Amino acid sequence: MHKREKDAIKDVLRRYAAGENVEHQALRVIAGRALELIESTEEKLAEIEQEYDELFSQPRIAWKEYPLNQPESHKLYLVSEGVCIRSAQHAASPQGYKWFREGSYKPDDPVNDIAVTHYAEFNLPGQE
């Protein structure tokens, strides 16, 4: 709808709301335009709802609580302590099994002491 047409419709509606008599034909045109706007809005809303449903029906990250659930050893996982997310591997060390940052598998390196409360397998879109 063109700006001039919108302005004309608003003008007629303002005059009608103020109590002025408005031609029946003008009201018919406004009602037709209002129905067109409602229908196009409903169509756009349905498209947005469809996109929303498709987006949120995709698999989400399945976090597992640690140490309640023990991960498979020597496999790369997403890990978190509840604030940050990083990749790490669960593997044996002289102090027992613990988490190692990706690429840093030195058991005695203090940088490897990662506080992990949850872990998840990588599940990128399209992977089985």
N, C-alpha and C. Protein backbone atom coordinates (compact mmCIF):
# COMPACT_ATOMS: atom_id res chain seq x y z
N MET A 1 0.85 -1.17 0.00
CA MET A 1 0.00 0.00 0.00
C MET A 1 0.90 1.24 0.00
N HIS A 2 0.58 2.18 -0.86
CA HIS A 2 1.35 3.41 -1.00
C HIS A 2 1.09 4.33 0.18
N LYS A 3 2.06 5.18 0.50
CA LYS A 3 1.93 6.09 1.64
C LYS A 3 0.73 7.02 1.48
N ARG A 4 0.50 7.52 0.27
CA ARG A 4 -0.65 8.42 0.07
C ARG A 4 -1.96 7.70 0.35
N GLU A 5 -2.04 6.44 -0.05
CA GLU A 5 -3.26 5.66 0.20
C GLU A 5 -3.44 5.44 1.70
N LYS A 6 -2.33 5.12 2.39
CA LYS A 6 -2.41 4.94 3.85
C LYS A 6 -2.87 6.23 4.52
N ASP A 7 -2.28 7.36 4.11
CA ASP A 7 -2.66 8.64 4.70
C ASP A 7 -4.14 8.96 4.47
N ALA A 8 -4.63 8.67 3.27
CA ALA A 8 -6.04 8.93 2.96
C ALA A 8 -6.95 8.07 3.83
N ILE A 9 -6.58 6.81 4.00
CA ILE A 9 -7.39 5.90 4.84
C ILE A 9 -7.38 6.38 6.29
N LYS A 10 -6.21 6.78 6.79
CA LYS A 10 -6.13 7.30 8.17
C LYS A 10 -7.00 8.55 8.32
N ASP A 11 -6.97 9.40 7.31
CA ASP A 11 -7.76 10.63 7.37
C ASP A 11 -9.25 10.31 7.47
N VAL A 12 -9.71 9.38 6.63
CA VAL A 12 -11.13 9.00 6.66
C VAL A 12 -11.48 8.40 8.02
N LEU A 13 -10.61 7.53 8.54
CA LEU A 13 -10.88 6.90 9.84
C LEU A 13 -10.90 7.94 10.97
N ARG A 14 -10.01 8.91 10.93
CA ARG A 14 -9.99 9.96 11.96
C ARG A 14 -11.30 10.77 11.91
N ARG A 15 -11.70 11.12 10.71
CA ARG A 15 -12.93 11.89 10.57
C ARG A 15 -14.14 11.08 11.05
N TYR A 16 -14.17 9.80 10.73
CA TYR A 16 -15.27 8.93 11.15
C TYR A 16 -15.28 8.79 12.67
N ALA A 17 -14.09 8.59 13.25
CA ALA A 17 -13.98 8.45 14.72
C ALA A 17 -14.40 9.74 15.43
N ALA A 18 -14.20 10.88 14.78
CA ALA A 18 -14.58 12.17 15.37
C ALA A 18 -16.07 12.46 15.23
N GLY A 19 -16.80 11.55 14.56
CA GLY A 19 -18.24 11.72 14.46
C GLY A 19 -18.72 12.28 13.14
N GLU A 20 -17.80 12.53 12.24
CA GLU A 20 -18.18 13.06 10.94
C GLU A 20 -18.80 11.95 10.10
N ASN A 21 -19.76 12.31 9.29
CA ASN A 21 -20.36 11.33 8.38
C ASN A 21 -19.37 11.02 7.26
N VAL A 22 -19.24 9.72 6.96
CA VAL A 22 -18.33 9.27 5.92
C VAL A 22 -19.14 8.45 4.94
N GLU A 23 -18.83 8.62 3.65
CA GLU A 23 -19.58 7.90 2.63
C GLU A 23 -19.43 6.39 2.82
N HIS A 24 -20.51 5.71 2.51
CA HIS A 24 -20.52 4.25 2.62
C HIS A 24 -19.43 3.63 1.74
N GLN A 25 -19.21 4.16 0.56
CA GLN A 25 -18.19 3.63 -0.36
C GLN A 25 -16.79 3.75 0.24
N ALA A 26 -16.51 4.85 0.92
CA ALA A 26 -15.19 5.04 1.55
C ALA A 26 -14.97 3.99 2.63
N LEU A 27 -16.00 3.72 3.42
CA LEU A 27 -15.87 2.69 4.46
C LEU A 27 -15.69 1.31 3.85
N ARG A 28 -16.35 1.05 2.73
CA ARG A 28 -16.21 -0.23 2.05
C ARG A 28 -14.76 -0.42 1.58
N VAL A 29 -14.17 0.63 1.02
CA VAL A 29 -12.77 0.57 0.56
C VAL A 29 -11.84 0.31 1.75
N ILE A 30 -12.07 1.01 2.83
CA ILE A 30 -11.23 0.83 4.03
C ILE A 30 -11.37 -0.59 4.57
N ALA A 31 -12.60 -1.11 4.62
CA ALA A 31 -12.81 -2.48 5.11
C ALA A 31 -12.09 -3.48 4.22
N GLY A 32 -12.12 -3.28 2.91
CA GLY A 32 -11.41 -4.17 1.99
C GLY A 32 -9.91 -4.15 2.22
N ARG A 33 -9.37 -2.95 2.38
CA ARG A 33 -7.92 -2.83 2.64
C ARG A 33 -7.55 -3.46 3.99
N ALA A 34 -8.41 -3.26 4.99
CA ALA A 34 -8.14 -3.85 6.30
C ALA A 34 -8.11 -5.37 6.22
N LEU A 35 -9.04 -5.95 5.47
CA LEU A 35 -9.05 -7.41 5.30
C LEU A 35 -7.80 -7.89 4.57
N GLU A 36 -7.37 -7.15 3.54
CA GLU A 36 -6.14 -7.51 2.83
C GLU A 36 -4.94 -7.51 3.78
N LEU A 37 -4.85 -6.47 4.62
CA LEU A 37 -3.74 -6.38 5.58
C LEU A 37 -3.78 -7.52 6.59
N ILE A 38 -4.96 -7.84 7.07
CA ILE A 38 -5.10 -8.94 8.03
C ILE A 38 -4.65 -10.25 7.40
N GLU A 39 -5.11 -10.51 6.18
CA GLU A 39 -4.76 -11.76 5.50
C GLU A 39 -3.26 -11.85 5.21
N SER A 40 -2.66 -10.75 4.74
CA SER A 40 -1.22 -10.80 4.46
C SER A 40 -0.42 -10.95 5.75
N THR A 41 -0.89 -10.33 6.82
CA THR A 41 -0.22 -10.48 8.12
C THR A 41 -0.31 -11.91 8.62
N GLU A 42 -1.48 -12.53 8.45
CA GLU A 42 -1.64 -13.93 8.86
C GLU A 42 -0.72 -14.84 8.05
N GLU A 43 -0.58 -14.58 6.75
CA GLU A 43 0.31 -15.39 5.91
C GLU A 43 1.76 -15.24 6.35
N LYS A 44 2.18 -14.00 6.60
CA LYS A 44 3.56 -13.76 7.05
C LYS A 44 3.80 -14.42 8.40
N LEU A 45 2.83 -14.31 9.30
CA LEU A 45 2.95 -14.93 10.61
C LEU A 45 3.07 -16.45 10.49
N ALA A 46 2.28 -17.05 9.61
CA ALA A 46 2.35 -18.50 9.40
C ALA A 46 3.73 -18.91 8.89
N GLU A 47 4.31 -18.11 7.99
CA GLU A 47 5.67 -18.38 7.49
C GLU A 47 6.69 -18.31 8.61
N ILE A 48 6.58 -17.29 9.45
CA ILE A 48 7.52 -17.12 10.57
C ILE A 48 7.37 -18.28 11.55
N GLU A 49 6.13 -18.68 11.84
CA GLU A 49 5.90 -19.81 12.75
C GLU A 49 6.48 -21.10 12.18
N GLN A 50 6.39 -21.29 10.87
CA GLN A 50 6.96 -22.48 10.22
C GLN A 50 8.48 -22.47 10.36
N GLU A 51 9.12 -21.32 10.11
CA GLU A 51 10.57 -21.21 10.27
C GLU A 51 10.98 -21.49 11.71
N TYR A 52 10.21 -20.95 12.65
CA TYR A 52 10.48 -21.15 14.07
C TYR A 52 10.40 -22.64 14.42
N ASP A 53 9.33 -23.30 13.96
CA ASP A 53 9.17 -24.73 14.24
C ASP A 53 10.30 -25.55 13.65
N GLU A 54 10.72 -25.22 12.42
CA GLU A 54 11.83 -25.94 11.79
C GLU A 54 13.13 -25.72 12.55
N LEU A 55 13.36 -24.48 12.97
CA LEU A 55 14.60 -24.17 13.69
C LEU A 55 14.67 -24.91 15.02
N PHE A 56 13.59 -24.90 15.78
CA PHE A 56 13.62 -25.50 17.11
C PHE A 56 13.29 -26.98 17.14
N SER A 57 13.02 -27.57 15.98
CA SER A 57 12.83 -29.02 15.95
C SER A 57 14.15 -29.73 15.67
N GLN A 58 15.20 -28.96 15.38
CA GLN A 58 16.51 -29.56 15.12
C GLN A 58 17.07 -30.09 16.44
N PRO A 59 17.92 -31.13 16.33
CA PRO A 59 18.48 -31.70 17.55
C PRO A 59 19.27 -30.66 18.35
N ARG A 60 19.14 -30.76 19.63
CA ARG A 60 19.88 -29.87 20.53
C ARG A 60 21.03 -30.65 21.15
N ILE A 61 21.89 -29.94 21.82
CA ILE A 61 23.02 -30.59 22.48
C ILE A 61 22.49 -31.38 23.69
N ALA A 62 22.82 -32.65 23.74
CA ALA A 62 22.37 -33.52 24.83
C ALA A 62 23.45 -33.54 25.92
N TRP A 63 23.37 -32.63 26.87
CA TRP A 63 24.36 -32.55 27.94
C TRP A 63 24.13 -33.68 28.94
N LYS A 64 25.24 -34.24 29.43
CA LYS A 64 25.20 -35.28 30.47
C LYS A 64 25.92 -34.76 31.70
N GLU A 65 25.35 -35.07 32.85
CA GLU A 65 25.96 -34.61 34.10
C GLU A 65 27.20 -35.45 34.40
N TYR A 66 28.26 -34.76 34.83
CA TYR A 66 29.51 -35.42 35.19
C TYR A 66 29.80 -35.10 36.65
N PRO A 67 30.21 -36.05 37.45
CA PRO A 67 30.68 -37.41 37.17
C PRO A 67 29.58 -38.48 37.23
N LEU A 68 28.33 -38.08 37.36
CA LEU A 68 27.25 -39.06 37.41
C LEU A 68 27.28 -40.00 36.20
N ASN A 69 27.54 -39.45 35.03
CA ASN A 69 27.66 -40.24 33.80
C ASN A 69 29.12 -40.22 33.35
N GLN A 70 29.72 -41.36 33.24
CA GLN A 70 31.12 -41.45 32.84
C GLN A 70 31.24 -41.50 31.32
N PRO A 71 32.09 -40.64 30.75
CA PRO A 71 32.25 -40.63 29.30
C PRO A 71 33.20 -41.73 28.82
N GLU A 72 33.10 -42.00 27.53
CA GLU A 72 34.04 -42.92 26.89
C GLU A 72 35.42 -42.26 26.90
N SER A 73 36.45 -43.03 27.20
CA SER A 73 37.80 -42.48 27.30
C SER A 73 38.39 -42.17 25.93
N HIS A 74 39.27 -41.18 25.90
CA HIS A 74 40.04 -40.77 24.71
C HIS A 74 39.15 -40.37 23.54
N LYS A 75 38.08 -39.67 23.84
CA LYS A 75 37.17 -39.17 22.82
C LYS A 75 36.94 -37.68 23.11
N LEU A 76 36.89 -36.88 22.07
CA LEU A 76 36.74 -35.44 22.23
C LEU A 76 35.27 -35.10 22.50
N TYR A 77 35.03 -34.28 23.52
CA TYR A 77 33.69 -33.87 23.94
C TYR A 77 33.62 -32.35 24.08
N LEU A 78 32.41 -31.85 24.09
CA LEU A 78 32.16 -30.50 24.58
C LEU A 78 32.04 -30.62 26.09
N VAL A 79 32.68 -29.72 26.83
CA VAL A 79 32.59 -29.78 28.29
C VAL A 79 32.26 -28.39 28.83
N SER A 80 31.67 -28.37 30.01
CA SER A 80 31.33 -27.10 30.64
C SER A 80 31.34 -27.26 32.16
N GLU A 81 31.65 -26.15 32.82
CA GLU A 81 31.54 -26.10 34.27
C GLU A 81 30.31 -25.28 34.66
N GLY A 82 29.51 -24.95 33.65
CA GLY A 82 28.29 -24.19 33.88
C GLY A 82 28.37 -22.77 33.37
N VAL A 83 29.55 -22.33 32.96
CA VAL A 83 29.71 -20.97 32.45
C VAL A 83 30.29 -20.98 31.04
N CYS A 84 31.43 -21.62 30.88
CA CYS A 84 32.12 -21.67 29.59
C CYS A 84 31.96 -23.05 28.96
N ILE A 85 32.10 -23.08 27.65
CA ILE A 85 32.08 -24.35 26.92
C ILE A 85 33.38 -24.45 26.15
N ARG A 86 34.02 -25.61 26.23
CA ARG A 86 35.26 -25.85 25.49
C ARG A 86 35.29 -27.30 25.08
N SER A 87 36.29 -27.69 24.32
CA SER A 87 36.44 -29.10 23.95
C SER A 87 37.52 -29.72 24.82
N ALA A 88 37.31 -30.95 25.20
CA ALA A 88 38.27 -31.65 26.05
C ALA A 88 38.10 -33.16 25.88
N GLN A 89 39.08 -33.87 26.39
CA GLN A 89 39.10 -35.33 26.30
C GLN A 89 39.23 -35.90 27.71
N HIS A 90 38.52 -36.97 27.99
CA HIS A 90 38.58 -37.65 29.29
C HIS A 90 39.58 -38.80 29.15
N ALA A 91 40.65 -38.77 29.92
CA ALA A 91 41.70 -39.78 29.76
C ALA A 91 42.39 -40.04 31.09
N ALA A 92 43.15 -41.11 31.12
CA ALA A 92 43.86 -41.52 32.34
C ALA A 92 45.06 -40.61 32.61
N SER A 93 45.31 -40.39 33.89
CA SER A 93 46.50 -39.66 34.34
C SER A 93 47.01 -40.39 35.58
N PRO A 94 48.19 -40.04 36.08
CA PRO A 94 48.68 -40.68 37.31
C PRO A 94 47.72 -40.50 38.49
N GLN A 95 46.90 -39.44 38.46
CA GLN A 95 45.94 -39.20 39.53
C GLN A 95 44.57 -39.80 39.24
N GLY A 96 44.46 -40.59 38.20
CA GLY A 96 43.17 -41.16 37.79
C GLY A 96 42.65 -40.47 36.55
N TYR A 97 41.45 -40.81 36.16
CA TYR A 97 40.88 -40.19 34.97
C TYR A 97 40.53 -38.73 35.24
N LYS A 98 40.83 -37.88 34.24
CA LYS A 98 40.46 -36.48 34.34
C LYS A 98 40.32 -35.90 32.94
N TRP A 99 39.90 -34.67 32.88
CA TRP A 99 39.68 -33.99 31.61
C TRP A 99 40.94 -33.26 31.16
N PHE A 100 41.26 -33.38 29.88
CA PHE A 100 42.40 -32.70 29.28
C PHE A 100 41.88 -31.78 28.18
N ARG A 101 42.40 -30.57 28.16
CA ARG A 101 42.03 -29.65 27.09
C ARG A 101 42.46 -30.23 25.76
N GLU A 102 41.72 -29.93 24.73
CA GLU A 102 42.05 -30.43 23.40
C GLU A 102 43.47 -30.00 23.02
N GLY A 103 44.28 -30.96 22.60
CA GLY A 103 45.64 -30.68 22.15
C GLY A 103 46.66 -30.60 23.28
N SER A 104 46.25 -30.79 24.52
CA SER A 104 47.18 -30.69 25.65
C SER A 104 46.97 -31.89 26.57
N TYR A 105 47.66 -32.99 26.27
CA TYR A 105 47.44 -34.23 27.02
C TYR A 105 48.62 -34.57 27.92
N LYS A 106 49.15 -33.56 28.60
CA LYS A 106 50.25 -33.77 29.54
C LYS A 106 49.65 -33.94 30.93
N PRO A 107 49.72 -35.13 31.51
CA PRO A 107 49.03 -35.39 32.78
C PRO A 107 49.44 -34.48 33.93
N ASP A 108 50.68 -34.02 33.97
CA ASP A 108 51.14 -33.22 35.11
C ASP A 108 51.02 -31.72 34.88
N ASP A 109 50.51 -31.31 33.75
CA ASP A 109 50.38 -29.89 33.43
C ASP A 109 49.17 -29.32 34.16
N PRO A 110 49.36 -28.32 35.06
CA PRO A 110 48.24 -27.78 35.84
C PRO A 110 47.17 -27.12 34.97
N VAL A 111 47.51 -26.74 33.74
CA VAL A 111 46.52 -26.13 32.87
C VAL A 111 45.42 -27.12 32.50
N ASN A 112 45.69 -28.41 32.70
CA ASN A 112 44.72 -29.44 32.35
C ASN A 112 43.67 -29.67 33.43
N ASP A 113 43.78 -29.03 34.55
CA ASP A 113 42.77 -29.20 35.60
C ASP A 113 41.51 -28.42 35.23
N ILE A 114 40.62 -29.08 34.53
CA ILE A 114 39.38 -28.46 34.08
C ILE A 114 38.25 -28.92 35.00
N ALA A 115 37.56 -27.98 35.58
CA ALA A 115 36.39 -28.31 36.39
C ALA A 115 35.23 -28.56 35.44
N VAL A 116 34.78 -29.80 35.33
CA VAL A 116 33.71 -30.17 34.42
C VAL A 116 32.50 -30.65 35.21
N THR A 117 31.35 -30.05 34.91
CA THR A 117 30.10 -30.51 35.53
C THR A 117 29.20 -31.21 34.51
N HIS A 118 29.43 -30.91 33.21
CA HIS A 118 28.62 -31.50 32.15
C HIS A 118 29.46 -31.72 30.91
N TYR A 119 29.12 -32.74 30.13
CA TYR A 119 29.79 -32.97 28.86
C TYR A 119 28.76 -33.42 27.84
N ALA A 120 29.13 -33.29 26.56
CA ALA A 120 28.24 -33.69 25.48
C ALA A 120 29.05 -34.12 24.27
N GLU A 121 28.48 -35.05 23.52
CA GLU A 121 29.13 -35.45 22.28
C GLU A 121 28.87 -34.37 21.23
N PHE A 122 29.80 -34.25 20.30
CA PHE A 122 29.60 -33.32 19.19
C PHE A 122 28.47 -33.87 18.32
N ASN A 123 27.51 -33.05 18.02
CA ASN A 123 26.41 -33.46 17.13
C ASN A 123 26.10 -32.32 16.16
N LEU A 124 27.01 -32.10 15.25
CA LEU A 124 26.84 -31.04 14.28
C LEU A 124 25.69 -31.38 13.34
N PRO A 125 25.00 -30.36 12.83
CA PRO A 125 23.89 -30.63 11.91
C PRO A 125 24.35 -31.47 10.72
N GLY A 126 23.57 -32.48 10.39
CA GLY A 126 23.89 -33.35 9.28
C GLY A 126 24.67 -34.59 9.68
N GLN A 127 25.19 -34.63 10.91
CA GLN A 127 25.91 -35.81 11.37
C GLN A 127 24.91 -36.81 11.93
N GLU A 128 25.18 -38.06 11.70
CA GLU A 128 24.31 -39.12 12.23
C GLU A 128 24.75 -39.49 13.62
